[in-house]
Protein backbone atom coordinates (compact mmCIF):
# COMPACT_ATOMS: atom_id res chain seq x y z
CA MET A 1 -51.84 -8.44 3.37
CA THR A 2 -52.43 -5.53 5.65
CA PRO A 3 -56.07 -4.61 6.27
CA ARG A 4 -57.27 -1.15 5.43
CA PRO A 5 -57.63 1.29 8.32
CA GLY A 6 -60.82 0.67 10.24
CA LYS A 7 -61.28 -2.86 8.85
CA VAL A 8 -60.78 -6.03 10.81
CA GLU A 9 -59.13 -9.00 9.13
CA VAL A 10 -61.22 -12.13 9.56
CA PRO A 11 -59.37 -15.42 9.29
CA ILE A 12 -60.61 -17.78 6.57
CA ALA A 13 -61.63 -21.23 7.73
CA GLY A 14 -59.91 -24.24 6.12
CA GLU A 15 -61.52 -25.77 3.05
CA VAL A 16 -63.16 -29.15 3.38
CA ILE A 17 -62.38 -31.62 0.64
CA SER A 18 -64.84 -34.39 0.03
CA ARG A 19 -63.26 -37.81 -0.53
CA ARG A 20 -65.51 -40.19 -2.36
CA PRO A 21 -64.94 -43.91 -2.57
CA LYS A 22 -63.61 -45.22 -5.87
CA GLY A 23 -66.82 -47.03 -6.60
CA ALA A 24 -69.84 -45.96 -8.54
CA ALA A 25 -68.83 -42.32 -8.89
CA SER A 26 -65.51 -43.04 -10.59
CA ARG A 27 -67.11 -45.65 -12.84
CA ALA A 28 -69.75 -43.13 -13.90
CA HIS A 29 -67.02 -40.56 -14.58
CA HIS A 30 -65.05 -43.07 -16.68
CA LYS A 31 -68.20 -43.98 -18.62
CA ALA A 32 -68.89 -40.31 -19.33
CA ILE A 33 -65.34 -39.78 -20.58
CA SER A 34 -65.37 -42.85 -22.81
CA HIS A 35 -68.83 -41.88 -24.12
CA HIS A 36 -67.59 -38.44 -25.13
CA GLU A 37 -64.44 -39.93 -26.67
CA GLY A 38 -66.24 -40.88 -29.88
CA GLU A 39 -68.10 -37.60 -30.23
CA ASP A 40 -65.13 -35.68 -31.62
CA VAL A 41 -64.99 -38.00 -34.64
CA SER A 42 -66.93 -36.36 -37.41
CA ARG A 43 -69.34 -38.57 -39.30
CA GLU A 44 -70.09 -35.91 -41.91
CA VAL A 45 -68.59 -36.57 -45.33
CA GLN A 46 -68.26 -32.88 -46.17
CA LYS A 47 -66.16 -32.14 -43.08
CA VAL A 48 -63.86 -35.15 -43.37
CA VAL A 49 -63.05 -34.77 -47.07
CA ARG A 50 -61.84 -31.21 -46.46
CA LEU A 51 -59.14 -32.39 -44.03
CA ASP A 52 -55.51 -32.59 -45.13
CA GLY A 53 -53.45 -35.83 -45.16
CA PRO A 54 -52.27 -35.94 -41.52
CA ALA A 55 -55.69 -34.90 -40.25
CA LYS A 56 -57.30 -37.70 -42.27
CA ILE A 57 -54.93 -40.21 -40.69
CA ASN A 58 -55.89 -38.86 -37.26
CA TRP A 59 -59.56 -39.16 -38.20
CA LEU A 60 -59.00 -42.73 -39.37
CA CYS A 61 -57.19 -43.58 -36.12
CA LYS A 62 -60.23 -42.36 -34.18
CA ALA A 63 -62.84 -43.85 -36.51
CA LEU A 64 -61.46 -47.41 -36.72
CA PRO A 65 -61.96 -48.18 -33.00
CA LEU A 66 -65.50 -46.81 -33.29
CA LEU A 67 -66.07 -49.13 -36.24
CA ARG A 68 -64.68 -52.04 -34.22
CA ARG A 69 -67.00 -51.27 -31.28
CA ARG A 70 -69.91 -50.74 -33.69
CA ALA A 71 -70.29 -47.15 -32.46
CA MET A 72 -69.99 -46.07 -36.10
CA THR A 73 -71.78 -48.04 -38.77
CA SER A 74 -69.74 -49.54 -41.56
CA ALA A 75 -72.00 -47.75 -44.06
CA GLN A 76 -71.10 -44.35 -42.55
CA PHE A 77 -67.44 -45.27 -42.54
CA LEU A 78 -67.43 -46.53 -46.14
CA ASP A 79 -69.39 -43.50 -47.36
CA ILE A 80 -66.55 -41.31 -46.11
CA VAL A 81 -63.54 -43.44 -47.04
CA CYS A 82 -64.84 -44.45 -50.47
CA ASN A 83 -65.73 -40.90 -51.42
CA GLN A 84 -63.60 -39.67 -54.33
CA ARG A 85 -62.85 -36.43 -52.54
CA PHE A 86 -61.41 -38.33 -49.53
CA ALA A 87 -58.36 -39.38 -51.57
CA ALA A 88 -58.31 -36.30 -53.80
CA ASN A 89 -56.08 -34.02 -51.72
CA ILE A 90 -53.70 -36.71 -50.43
CA ASP A 91 -50.26 -36.22 -51.92
CA ASP A 92 -48.69 -39.19 -53.74
CA VAL A 93 -45.22 -38.28 -52.50
CA MET A 94 -46.04 -38.36 -48.80
CA PRO A 95 -46.73 -41.72 -47.06
CA TRP A 96 -50.19 -40.83 -45.75
CA GLY A 97 -52.14 -42.79 -48.34
CA THR A 98 -50.10 -45.96 -47.88
CA GLN A 99 -50.38 -45.63 -44.09
CA MET A 100 -54.16 -45.39 -44.41
CA ILE A 101 -54.25 -48.47 -46.63
CA SER A 102 -52.17 -50.48 -44.16
CA MET A 103 -54.50 -49.40 -41.34
CA LEU A 104 -57.53 -50.39 -43.42
CA ARG A 105 -55.99 -53.78 -44.28
CA GLN A 106 -55.79 -54.61 -40.59
CA GLU A 107 -59.52 -53.95 -40.25
CA LEU A 108 -60.73 -55.97 -43.27
CA ASP A 109 -61.84 -58.83 -41.00
CA ASP A 110 -64.48 -56.60 -39.40
CA LEU A 111 -66.16 -55.88 -42.75
CA GLN A 112 -68.47 -57.99 -44.90
CA PRO A 113 -67.09 -59.33 -48.22
CA GLN A 114 -69.23 -56.85 -50.19
CA GLN A 115 -67.89 -53.99 -48.10
CA VAL A 116 -64.31 -55.19 -48.61
CA HIS A 117 -64.96 -55.25 -52.34
CA GLN A 118 -66.43 -51.74 -52.20
CA LEU A 119 -63.37 -50.57 -50.26
CA GLN A 120 -60.99 -52.16 -52.78
CA GLN A 121 -62.78 -50.40 -55.64
CA CYS A 122 -62.49 -46.93 -54.11
CA ASP A 123 -60.08 -44.24 -55.28
CA LEU A 124 -57.95 -44.36 -52.11
CA TRP A 125 -57.30 -48.08 -52.49
CA SER A 126 -56.58 -47.90 -56.24
CA ARG A 127 -54.09 -45.05 -55.79
CA PHE A 128 -52.15 -46.23 -52.76
CA ALA A 129 -52.38 -50.04 -52.55
CA ASP A 130 -49.45 -51.78 -54.22
CA SER A 131 -50.44 -54.49 -56.68
CA ASP A 132 -47.69 -56.75 -55.20
CA ASP A 133 -49.28 -56.40 -51.77
CA GLU A 134 -52.65 -57.24 -53.30
CA ARG A 135 -51.30 -60.46 -54.85
CA ALA A 136 -49.68 -61.45 -51.55
CA LEU A 137 -52.94 -60.76 -49.72
CA VAL A 138 -54.97 -62.86 -52.18
CA THR A 139 -52.41 -65.69 -52.08
CA ALA A 140 -52.38 -65.71 -48.28
CA ALA A 141 -56.18 -65.70 -48.16
CA SER A 142 -56.51 -68.56 -50.64
CA SER A 143 -53.83 -70.68 -48.92
CA ALA A 144 -55.39 -70.07 -45.52
CA ALA A 145 -58.84 -71.14 -46.68
CA PRO A 146 -59.74 -74.49 -45.04
CA GLY A 147 -60.78 -77.45 -47.16
CA ARG A 148 -58.92 -76.44 -50.29
CA ALA A 149 -56.68 -78.96 -51.99
CA ALA A 150 -53.27 -77.78 -53.07
């Protein structure tokens, strides 16, 4: 770039880049990122029930790890999933409901028996869980129980 008449072009000094060791600073940065990771998962029933099918699956994919890490209480989670309006706008033709049920089945071990029962009584479970799958699940659970005579 040519300087204007009467002006002198001053050279710009090189920039100095600070190199920090990959110790405490990067660990603090990773902690901050993982801490903020769970903040985009809404815990408000009113917001989650308004989502469409694919958005509810995305919410469930984000909420289940939080439930596993105990960052979200099982009561908060069940309040949302067992709400009638959560399953209300999920289409029966599309596979979203059955995908959600299969994801929930994988997480049943993390819940108390009363909570599993509450989950199995909810509208989502009654609409999208196959009764054949239920029988297979009950049979597998009863055969896997230790101390039972066949």
